[in-house]
Amino acid sequence: MDMRQEPVIVETVRYRIEGELTLPREGYRSRLSDYVNQRDRDFFAVNGAKITSLDRPEEIQEVPFVMVARAHVLLLTPGPGAEPGGTP
């Protein structure tokens, strides 16, 4: 399956996470909204993650990969450089 990287911003109560989700290039669940609304998905795998503490914005950690539990996500939005409409 042909895949693409979708820039995203994820916020939890304590953190802002900027990175990329891996989505199908086209077809079923290729839109960001379809991908995040999958009921069977308990975690989101964010690649190239920049994690900023909301309590201490000067504390920034960069990691190649982080799993974010769906239950902790308050906000998930397309990040800088994302294609309008969530599709390439």
C-alpha atoms as a PDB file:
ATOM      1  CA  MET A   1       0.000   0.000   0.000  1.00  0.00           C
ATOM      2  CA  ASP A   2       1.312   3.447  -0.925  1.00  0.00           C
ATOM      3  CA  MET A   3       1.638   5.623   2.204  1.00  0.00           C
ATOM      4  CA  ARG A   4       2.279   9.301   2.955  1.00  0.00           C
ATOM      5  CA  GLN A   5       3.263  11.384   5.978  1.00  0.00           C
ATOM      6  CA  GLU A   6       0.626  13.848   7.252  1.00  0.00           C
ATOM      7  CA  PRO A   7       1.903  16.671   9.502  1.00  0.00           C
ATOM      8  CA  VAL A   8      -0.213  16.905  12.667  1.00  0.00           C
ATOM      9  CA  ILE A   9      -0.452  18.725  15.969  1.00  0.00           C
ATOM     10  CA  VAL A  10      -1.794  16.701  18.895  1.00  0.00           C
ATOM     11  CA  GLU A  11      -2.623  18.247  22.265  1.00  0.00           C
ATOM     12  CA  THR A  12      -3.217  16.478  25.552  1.00  0.00           C
ATOM     13  CA  VAL A  13      -3.779  18.013  28.975  1.00  0.00           C
ATOM     14  CA  ARG A  14      -0.018  18.274  29.516  1.00  0.00           C
ATOM     15  CA  TYR A  15       1.665  18.240  26.091  1.00  0.00           C
ATOM     16  CA  ARG A  16       1.629  19.615  22.562  1.00  0.00           C
ATOM     17  CA  ILE A  17       3.030  17.081  20.103  1.00  0.00           C
ATOM     18  CA  GLU A  18       4.019  18.031  16.569  1.00  0.00           C
ATOM     19  CA  GLY A  19       4.962  15.322  14.120  1.00  0.00           C
ATOM     20  CA  GLU A  20       3.638  13.121  11.343  1.00  0.00           C
ATOM     21  CA  LEU A  21       1.067  10.333  11.069  1.00  0.00           C
ATOM     22  CA  THR A  22       1.456   7.693   8.368  1.00  0.00           C
ATOM     23  CA  LEU A  23      -1.715   7.546   6.247  1.00  0.00           C
ATOM     24  CA  PRO A  24      -2.670   5.786   3.012  1.00  0.00           C
ATOM     25  CA  ARG A  25      -1.933   7.983  -0.009  1.00  0.00           C
ATOM     26  CA  GLU A  26      -5.431   7.502  -1.411  1.00  0.00           C
ATOM     27  CA  GLY A  27      -8.624   5.551  -0.904  1.00  0.00           C
ATOM     28  CA  TYR A  28     -10.124   4.234   2.290  1.00  0.00           C
ATOM     29  CA  ARG A  29      -9.085   6.187   5.411  1.00  0.00           C
ATOM     30  CA  SER A  30      -6.689   8.439   3.505  1.00  0.00           C
ATOM     31  CA  ARG A  31      -8.263  11.583   5.010  1.00  0.00           C
ATOM     32  CA  LEU A  32      -6.994  12.618   8.430  1.00  0.00           C
ATOM     33  CA  SER A  33     -10.534  12.774   9.827  1.00  0.00           C
ATOM     34  CA  ASP A  34     -11.289   9.207   8.670  1.00  0.00           C
ATOM     35  CA  TYR A  35      -8.019   7.930  10.109  1.00  0.00           C
ATOM     36  CA  VAL A  36      -8.452   9.421  13.585  1.00  0.00           C
ATOM     37  CA  ASN A  37     -12.123   8.409  13.796  1.00  0.00           C
ATOM     38  CA  GLN A  38     -11.393   4.678  13.480  1.00  0.00           C
ATOM     39  CA  ARG A  39     -13.021   3.177  16.565  1.00  0.00           C
ATOM     40  CA  ASP A  40     -10.538   0.299  16.716  1.00  0.00           C
ATOM     41  CA  ARG A  41      -7.527   2.645  16.988  1.00  0.00           C
ATOM     42  CA  ASP A  42      -6.517   3.113  20.661  1.00  0.00           C
ATOM     43  CA  PHE A  43      -3.162   4.804  19.960  1.00  0.00           C
ATOM     44  CA  PHE A  44      -1.749   7.180  17.368  1.00  0.00           C
ATOM     45  CA  ALA A  45       1.840   6.624  16.252  1.00  0.00           C
ATOM     46  CA  VAL A  46       3.459  10.035  15.729  1.00  0.00           C
ATOM     47  CA  ASN A  47       6.786  10.013  13.867  1.00  0.00           C
ATOM     48  CA  GLY A  48       9.448  12.709  14.199  1.00  0.00           C
ATOM     49  CA  ALA A  49       7.725  14.053  17.303  1.00  0.00           C
ATOM     50  CA  LYS A  50       8.504  17.367  18.962  1.00  0.00           C
ATOM     51  CA  ILE A  51       6.963  17.230  22.459  1.00  0.00           C
ATOM     52  CA  THR A  52       6.412  20.502  24.310  1.00  0.00           C
ATOM     53  CA  SER A  53       5.253  20.641  27.917  1.00  0.00           C
ATOM     54  CA  LEU A  54       2.312  23.040  28.224  1.00  0.00           C
ATOM     55  CA  ASP A  55       3.329  23.844  31.815  1.00  0.00           C
ATOM     56  CA  ARG A  56       6.941  24.518  30.812  1.00  0.00           C
ATOM     57  CA  PRO A  57       7.069  25.512  27.129  1.00  0.00           C
ATOM     58  CA  GLU A  58      10.850  25.862  27.297  1.00  0.00           C
ATOM     59  CA  GLU A  59      11.063  22.089  27.853  1.00  0.00           C
ATOM     60  CA  ILE A  60      11.025  20.571  24.371  1.00  0.00           C
ATOM     61  CA  GLN A  61      11.903  16.962  23.671  1.00  0.00           C
ATOM     62  CA  GLU A  62      12.412  15.555  20.190  1.00  0.00           C
ATOM     63  CA  VAL A  63      11.970  11.823  19.647  1.00  0.00           C
ATOM     64  CA  PRO A  64      11.788   9.725  16.481  1.00  0.00           C
ATOM     65  CA  PHE A  65       8.509   8.076  17.523  1.00  0.00           C
ATOM     66  CA  VAL A  66       5.824   8.358  20.210  1.00  0.00           C
ATOM     67  CA  MET A  67       2.553   6.539  20.823  1.00  0.00           C
ATOM     68  CA  VAL A  68      -0.288   8.789  22.021  1.00  0.00           C
ATOM     69  CA  ALA A  69      -3.344   7.178  23.624  1.00  0.00           C
ATOM     70  CA  ARG A  70      -6.592   8.236  21.965  1.00  0.00           C
ATOM     71  CA  ALA A  71      -8.167   8.676  25.419  1.00  0.00           C
ATOM     72  CA  HIS A  72      -5.687  11.483  26.207  1.00  0.00           C
ATOM     73  CA  VAL A  73      -6.085  13.443  22.965  1.00  0.00           C
ATOM     74  CA  LEU A  74      -7.954  16.724  23.398  1.00  0.00           C
ATOM     75  CA  LEU A  75      -7.131  18.185  19.988  1.00  0.00           C
ATOM     76  CA  LEU A  76      -5.715  16.788  16.758  1.00  0.00           C
ATOM     77  CA  THR A  77      -5.304  19.093  13.783  1.00  0.00           C
ATOM     78  CA  PRO A  78      -3.343  19.167  10.516  1.00  0.00           C
ATOM     79  CA  GLY A  79       0.090  20.632  11.096  1.00  0.00           C
ATOM     80  CA  PRO A  80       2.122  23.121   9.092  1.00  0.00           C
ATOM     81  CA  GLY A  81       2.602  21.960   5.520  1.00  0.00           C
ATOM     82  CA  ALA A  82      -0.498  19.743   5.511  1.00  0.00           C
ATOM     83  CA  GLU A  83      -2.494  19.694   2.309  1.00  0.00           C
ATOM     84  CA  PRO A  84      -5.867  21.523   2.417  1.00  0.00           C
ATOM     85  CA  GLY A  85      -8.676  19.041   3.007  1.00  0.00           C
ATOM     86  CA  GLY A  86      -6.298  16.421   4.401  1.00  0.00           C
ATOM     87  CA  THR A  87      -5.533  14.806   1.063  1.00  0.00           C
ATOM     88  CA  PRO A  88      -2.495  15.191  -1.212  1.00  0.00           C
END
